[in-house]
C-alpha atoms as a PDB file:
ATOM      1  CA  UNK A   1      29.182  -3.061  99.764  1.00  0.00           C
ATOM      2  CA  UNK A   2      30.676  -4.543 102.885  1.00  0.00           C
ATOM      3  CA  UNK A   3      27.513  -6.587 103.484  1.00  0.00           C
ATOM      4  CA  UNK A   4      28.140  -8.548 100.285  1.00  0.00           C
ATOM      5  CA  UNK A   5      29.158 -12.186 101.113  1.00  0.00           C
ATOM      6  CA  UNK A   6      32.498 -13.288  99.677  1.00  0.00           C
ATOM      7  CA  UNK A   7      30.883 -15.766  97.232  1.00  0.00           C
ATOM      8  CA  UNK A   8      28.852 -13.026  95.587  1.00  0.00           C
ATOM      9  CA  UNK A   9      30.647 -12.048  92.424  1.00  0.00           C
ATOM     10  CA  UNK A  10      27.976  -9.726  90.869  1.00  0.00           C
ATOM     11  CA  UNK A  11      24.586  -8.592  92.198  1.00  0.00           C
ATOM     12  CA  UNK A  12      22.047  -7.520  89.730  1.00  0.00           C
ATOM     13  CA  UNK A  13      18.516  -6.309  90.448  1.00  0.00           C
ATOM     14  CA  UNK A  14      15.819  -7.222  87.956  1.00  0.00           C
ATOM     15  CA  UNK A  15      13.173  -4.514  87.566  1.00  0.00           C
ATOM     16  CA  UNK A  16       9.752  -5.020  85.920  1.00  0.00           C
ATOM     17  CA  UNK A  17       7.390  -2.006  85.669  1.00  0.00           C
ATOM     18  CA  UNK A  18       9.560  -0.012  88.124  1.00  0.00           C
ATOM     19  CA  UNK A  19       9.472  -2.743  90.735  1.00  0.00           C
ATOM     20  CA  UNK A  20      12.433  -4.919  91.798  1.00  0.00           C
ATOM     21  CA  UNK A  21      11.094  -8.533  91.202  1.00  0.00           C
ATOM     22  CA  UNK A  22      14.397 -10.314  91.640  1.00  0.00           C
ATOM     23  CA  UNK A  23      18.024  -9.975  92.624  1.00  0.00           C
ATOM     24  CA  UNK A  24      20.359 -12.201  90.665  1.00  0.00           C
ATOM     25  CA  UNK A  25      23.764 -13.009  92.245  1.00  0.00           C
ATOM     26  CA  UNK A  26      26.533 -14.866  90.414  1.00  0.00           C
ATOM     27  CA  UNK A  27      29.184 -16.848  92.142  1.00  0.00           C
ATOM     28  CA  UNK A  28      32.484 -18.433  91.088  1.00  0.00           C
ATOM     29  CA  UNK A  29      30.806 -21.813  90.687  1.00  0.00           C
ATOM     30  CA  UNK A  30      32.158 -24.973  92.116  1.00  0.00           C
ATOM     31  CA  UNK A  31      34.848 -23.156  94.233  1.00  0.00           C
ATOM     32  CA  UNK A  32      32.221 -21.058  96.026  1.00  0.00           C
ATOM     33  CA  UNK A  33      29.476 -23.606  96.052  1.00  0.00           C
ATOM     34  CA  UNK A  34      29.813 -24.973  99.628  1.00  0.00           C
ATOM     35  CA  UNK A  35      30.199 -21.521 101.218  1.00  0.00           C
ATOM     36  CA  UNK A  36      27.330 -20.039  99.220  1.00  0.00           C
ATOM     37  CA  UNK A  37      25.118 -23.104 100.114  1.00  0.00           C
ATOM     38  CA  UNK A  38      26.075 -22.808 103.805  1.00  0.00           C
ATOM     39  CA  UNK A  39      25.482 -19.122 103.791  1.00  0.00           C
ATOM     40  CA  UNK A  40      21.980 -19.511 102.273  1.00  0.00           C
ATOM     41  CA  UNK A  41      20.967 -22.181 104.846  1.00  0.00           C
ATOM     42  CA  UNK A  42      22.154 -19.953 107.561  1.00  0.00           C
ATOM     43  CA  UNK A  43      20.080 -17.077 106.220  1.00  0.00           C
ATOM     44  CA  UNK A  44      16.943 -18.860 104.930  1.00  0.00           C
ATOM     45  CA  UNK A  45      16.973 -22.178 106.881  1.00  0.00           C
ATOM     46  CA  UNK A  46      16.937 -25.640 105.284  1.00  0.00           C
ATOM     47  CA  UNK A  47      15.967 -25.636 101.523  1.00  0.00           C
ATOM     48  CA  UNK A  48      12.565 -26.755 100.542  1.00  0.00           C
ATOM     49  CA  UNK A  49      14.158 -29.052  98.040  1.00  0.00           C
ATOM     50  CA  UNK A  50      17.599 -29.744  96.875  1.00  0.00           C
ATOM     51  CA  UNK A  51      19.640 -32.212  94.791  1.00  0.00           C
ATOM     52  CA  UNK A  52      23.291 -32.897  94.313  1.00  0.00           C
ATOM     53  CA  UNK A  53      24.611 -34.002  90.888  1.00  0.00           C
ATOM     54  CA  UNK A  54      28.142 -35.207  90.234  1.00  0.00           C
ATOM     55  CA  UNK A  55      29.562 -33.579  87.097  1.00  0.00           C
ATOM     56  CA  UNK A  56      32.718 -33.419  85.066  1.00  0.00           C
ATOM     57  CA  UNK A  57      34.207 -30.531  83.027  1.00  0.00           C
ATOM     58  CA  UNK A  58      35.866 -30.833  79.659  1.00  0.00           C
ATOM     59  CA  UNK A  59      39.245 -31.346  81.255  1.00  0.00           C
ATOM     60  CA  UNK A  60      37.955 -34.354  83.273  1.00  0.00           C
ATOM     61  CA  UNK A  61      37.870 -32.578  86.601  1.00  0.00           C
ATOM     62  CA  UNK A  62      34.960 -33.767  88.769  1.00  0.00           C
ATOM     63  CA  UNK A  63      32.767 -31.537  90.885  1.00  0.00           C
ATOM     64  CA  UNK A  64      29.357 -31.533  92.453  1.00  0.00           C
ATOM     65  CA  UNK A  65      26.479 -29.347  91.502  1.00  0.00           C
ATOM     66  CA  UNK A  66      24.130 -28.359  94.290  1.00  0.00           C
ATOM     67  CA  UNK A  67      20.708 -27.113  93.222  1.00  0.00           C
ATOM     68  CA  UNK A  68      18.437 -25.855  95.969  1.00  0.00           C
ATOM     69  CA  UNK A  69      15.125 -23.990  96.323  1.00  0.00           C
ATOM     70  CA  UNK A  70      13.732 -22.184  99.248  1.00  0.00           C
ATOM     71  CA  UNK A  71       9.977 -21.570  98.808  1.00  0.00           C
ATOM     72  CA  UNK A  72       8.717 -18.852 101.176  1.00  0.00           C
ATOM     73  CA  UNK A  73       5.262 -17.233 101.302  1.00  0.00           C
ATOM     74  CA  UNK A  74       6.447 -13.927  99.751  1.00  0.00           C
ATOM     75  CA  UNK A  75       9.675 -14.851  98.001  1.00  0.00           C
ATOM     76  CA  UNK A  76      11.651 -17.735  96.519  1.00  0.00           C
ATOM     77  CA  UNK A  77      15.374 -18.375  96.593  1.00  0.00           C
ATOM     78  CA  UNK A  78      16.908 -20.473  93.754  1.00  0.00           C
ATOM     79  CA  UNK A  79      20.513 -21.725  93.980  1.00  0.00           C
ATOM     80  CA  UNK A  80      22.570 -23.344  91.281  1.00  0.00           C
ATOM     81  CA  UNK A  81      26.071 -24.095  92.421  1.00  0.00           C
ATOM     82  CA  UNK A  82      27.192 -24.502  88.861  1.00  0.00           C
ATOM     83  CA  UNK A  83      25.167 -23.137  85.952  1.00  0.00           C
ATOM     84  CA  UNK A  84      25.493 -23.257  82.213  1.00  0.00           C
ATOM     85  CA  UNK A  85      27.806 -26.296  82.327  1.00  0.00           C
ATOM     86  CA  UNK A  86      30.635 -24.005  83.426  1.00  0.00           C
ATOM     87  CA  UNK A  87      32.233 -25.036  86.727  1.00  0.00           C
ATOM     88  CA  UNK A  88      33.358 -21.437  87.342  1.00  0.00           C
ATOM     89  CA  UNK A  89      29.930 -19.811  87.387  1.00  0.00           C
ATOM     90  CA  UNK A  90      26.966 -20.349  89.740  1.00  0.00           C
ATOM     91  CA  UNK A  91      23.805 -18.362  90.548  1.00  0.00           C
ATOM     92  CA  UNK A  92      21.568 -17.335  93.333  1.00  0.00           C
ATOM     93  CA  UNK A  93      18.226 -15.721  92.476  1.00  0.00           C
ATOM     94  CA  UNK A  94      16.073 -14.069  95.239  1.00  0.00           C
ATOM     95  CA  UNK A  95      12.752 -13.195  93.631  1.00  0.00           C
ATOM     96  CA  UNK A  96       9.000 -13.009  93.827  1.00  0.00           C
ATOM     97  CA  UNK A  97       7.328 -16.360  93.609  1.00  0.00           C
ATOM     98  CA  UNK A  98       5.973 -15.564  90.133  1.00  0.00           C
ATOM     99  CA  UNK A  99       9.479 -14.615  88.711  1.00  0.00           C
ATOM    100  CA  UNK A 100      10.939 -17.775  90.220  1.00  0.00           C
ATOM    101  CA  UNK A 101       8.132 -19.994  88.665  1.00  0.00           C
ATOM    102  CA  UNK A 102       8.862 -18.457  85.216  1.00  0.00           C
ATOM    103  CA  UNK A 103      12.539 -19.137  85.555  1.00  0.00           C
ATOM    104  CA  UNK A 104      11.806 -22.804  86.572  1.00  0.00           C
ATOM    105  CA  UNK A 105       9.315 -23.137  83.734  1.00  0.00           C
ATOM    106  CA  UNK A 106      11.851 -21.812  81.297  1.00  0.00           C
ATOM    107  CA  UNK A 107      14.670 -24.099  82.427  1.00  0.00           C
ATOM    108  CA  UNK A 108      12.379 -27.250  82.327  1.00  0.00           C
ATOM    109  CA  UNK A 109      11.138 -26.386  78.866  1.00  0.00           C
ATOM    110  CA  UNK A 110      14.455 -26.194  77.165  1.00  0.00           C
ATOM    111  CA  UNK A 111      13.831 -29.303  75.130  1.00  0.00           C
ATOM    112  CA  UNK A 112      12.966 -27.353  71.978  1.00  0.00           C
ATOM    113  CA  UNK A 113      16.170 -25.376  71.900  1.00  0.00           C
END
């Protein structure tokens, strides 16, 4: 609705056993990255950890990828300014700590794929 920030492209709840364990928000990637990151800092304070990586797409355009995590006692916020190697898509996941841990574990164990 009208509360949705401009950088939120789609908002998708993730339900497990009838309980919402996460909300996954997609962004337009590099073009939304700064506004999304600023908005998250405004809402959740400074991130627990973050890193910025310089990247380049297949056409040679350079952009930055901001990755940030907010670890709170009852929830975790994960932000990827650019995900899947596509500069036009990014993601924000607000979830239970357990759901976030699974996501992080999955993304760090991709070596076998």
